[in-house]
Amino acid sequence: MTVETVGNPPPNAEQFRAEVEKQLPDIIASFNQVLQTEYGLKEVRGGGFTLVPSVTTASGLSCDEESCSIDGRR
């Protein structure tokens, strides 16, 4: 699985991207387990994620089926 960096990433983005990419199969497996055990959703599986900086507030983030935007930037 590959991880795509978009926008204006910070200087450490490449290192972070590589680490997430390495762990992505385990992250998705864990997410799928939560869907099944916590929410009873046995007929669906996670297939992708959008990661945003933790300093981003919910009011500055909007997502649709295609992408996410932080403060109006895609």
C-alpha atoms as a PDB file:
ATOM      1  CA  MET A   1       0.000   0.000   0.000  1.00  0.00           C
ATOM      2  CA  THR A   2       1.208   3.459  -0.769  1.00  0.00           C
ATOM      3  CA  VAL A   3       0.613   6.723   1.052  1.00  0.00           C
ATOM      4  CA  GLU A   4       0.203   9.921  -0.949  1.00  0.00           C
ATOM      5  CA  THR A   5       1.328  13.291   0.413  1.00  0.00           C
ATOM      6  CA  VAL A   6      -0.709  16.280  -0.762  1.00  0.00           C
ATOM      7  CA  GLY A   7      -0.656  20.005  -0.137  1.00  0.00           C
ATOM      8  CA  ASN A   8       2.275  21.744   1.531  1.00  0.00           C
ATOM      9  CA  PRO A   9       3.778  19.100   3.795  1.00  0.00           C
ATOM     10  CA  PRO A  10       6.120  20.034   6.643  1.00  0.00           C
ATOM     11  CA  PRO A  11       9.823  19.114   6.419  1.00  0.00           C
ATOM     12  CA  ASN A  12       9.351  15.820   8.285  1.00  0.00           C
ATOM     13  CA  ALA A  13       6.451  14.693   6.054  1.00  0.00           C
ATOM     14  CA  GLU A  14       8.510  12.174   4.080  1.00  0.00           C
ATOM     15  CA  GLN A  15       9.673  10.397   7.233  1.00  0.00           C
ATOM     16  CA  PHE A  16       6.117  10.376   8.608  1.00  0.00           C
ATOM     17  CA  ARG A  17       4.726   9.124   5.282  1.00  0.00           C
ATOM     18  CA  ALA A  18       7.232   6.255   5.197  1.00  0.00           C
ATOM     19  CA  GLU A  19       6.376   5.239   8.767  1.00  0.00           C
ATOM     20  CA  VAL A  20       2.619   5.307   8.110  1.00  0.00           C
ATOM     21  CA  GLU A  21       3.079   3.378   4.866  1.00  0.00           C
ATOM     22  CA  LYS A  22       5.046   0.686   6.709  1.00  0.00           C
ATOM     23  CA  GLN A  23       2.336   0.351   9.381  1.00  0.00           C
ATOM     24  CA  LEU A  24      -0.704   0.817   7.135  1.00  0.00           C
ATOM     25  CA  PRO A  25      -1.660  -2.880   6.833  1.00  0.00           C
ATOM     26  CA  ASP A  26      -1.738  -3.153  10.652  1.00  0.00           C
ATOM     27  CA  ILE A  27      -3.612   0.159  10.996  1.00  0.00           C
ATOM     28  CA  ILE A  28      -6.295  -0.957   8.551  1.00  0.00           C
ATOM     29  CA  ALA A  29      -6.568  -4.396  10.186  1.00  0.00           C
ATOM     30  CA  SER A  30      -7.030  -2.746  13.575  1.00  0.00           C
ATOM     31  CA  PHE A  31      -9.631  -0.348  12.171  1.00  0.00           C
ATOM     32  CA  ASN A  32     -11.532  -3.254  10.612  1.00  0.00           C
ATOM     33  CA  GLN A  33     -11.476  -5.094  13.944  1.00  0.00           C
ATOM     34  CA  VAL A  34     -13.001  -2.037  15.661  1.00  0.00           C
ATOM     35  CA  LEU A  35     -15.706  -1.826  12.977  1.00  0.00           C
ATOM     36  CA  GLN A  36     -16.623  -5.440  13.676  1.00  0.00           C
ATOM     37  CA  THR A  37     -16.334  -5.663  17.448  1.00  0.00           C
ATOM     38  CA  GLU A  38     -17.357  -2.179  18.553  1.00  0.00           C
ATOM     39  CA  TYR A  39     -19.929  -1.327  15.890  1.00  0.00           C
ATOM     40  CA  GLY A  40     -21.091  -4.715  14.599  1.00  0.00           C
ATOM     41  CA  LEU A  41     -20.233  -3.799  11.002  1.00  0.00           C
ATOM     42  CA  LYS A  42     -19.189  -7.149   9.588  1.00  0.00           C
ATOM     43  CA  GLU A  43     -20.048  -6.489   5.938  1.00  0.00           C
ATOM     44  CA  VAL A  44     -17.645  -3.568   5.357  1.00  0.00           C
ATOM     45  CA  ARG A  45     -13.899  -3.029   5.483  1.00  0.00           C
ATOM     46  CA  GLY A  46     -11.799   0.125   5.641  1.00  0.00           C
ATOM     47  CA  GLY A  47      -9.845   0.740   2.489  1.00  0.00           C
ATOM     48  CA  GLY A  48      -8.284   4.139   2.897  1.00  0.00           C
ATOM     49  CA  PHE A  49      -7.755   7.030   5.260  1.00  0.00           C
ATOM     50  CA  THR A  50      -7.040  10.723   5.237  1.00  0.00           C
ATOM     51  CA  LEU A  51      -4.589  11.814   7.906  1.00  0.00           C
ATOM     52  CA  VAL A  52      -4.550  15.456   8.931  1.00  0.00           C
ATOM     53  CA  PRO A  53      -2.327  17.291  11.427  1.00  0.00           C
ATOM     54  CA  SER A  54      -3.479  16.814  15.013  1.00  0.00           C
ATOM     55  CA  VAL A  55      -3.511  20.584  15.537  1.00  0.00           C
ATOM     56  CA  THR A  56      -6.303  20.900  12.978  1.00  0.00           C
ATOM     57  CA  THR A  57      -9.617  21.650  14.619  1.00  0.00           C
ATOM     58  CA  ALA A  58     -12.835  20.099  13.422  1.00  0.00           C
ATOM     59  CA  SER A  59     -14.051  23.515  12.252  1.00  0.00           C
ATOM     60  CA  GLY A  60     -11.038  23.842   9.924  1.00  0.00           C
ATOM     61  CA  LEU A  61     -11.477  20.429   8.303  1.00  0.00           C
ATOM     62  CA  SER A  62     -14.042  19.340   5.753  1.00  0.00           C
ATOM     63  CA  CYS A  63     -14.126  16.131   3.731  1.00  0.00           C
ATOM     64  CA  ASP A  64     -16.202  14.688   0.915  1.00  0.00           C
ATOM     65  CA  GLU A  65     -15.989  11.423  -1.051  1.00  0.00           C
ATOM     66  CA  GLU A  66     -13.001  12.696  -3.044  1.00  0.00           C
ATOM     67  CA  SER A  67     -10.723  14.534  -0.623  1.00  0.00           C
ATOM     68  CA  CYS A  68     -10.334  16.612   2.523  1.00  0.00           C
ATOM     69  CA  SER A  69      -9.709  20.301   2.882  1.00  0.00           C
ATOM     70  CA  ILE A  70      -8.034  22.211   5.736  1.00  0.00           C
ATOM     71  CA  ASP A  71      -9.183  25.818   5.991  1.00  0.00           C
ATOM     72  CA  GLY A  72     -10.368  25.759   2.385  1.00  0.00           C
ATOM     73  CA  ARG A  73      -7.083  24.328   0.943  1.00  0.00           C
ATOM     74  CA  ARG A  74      -7.059  20.958  -0.802  1.00  0.00           C
END
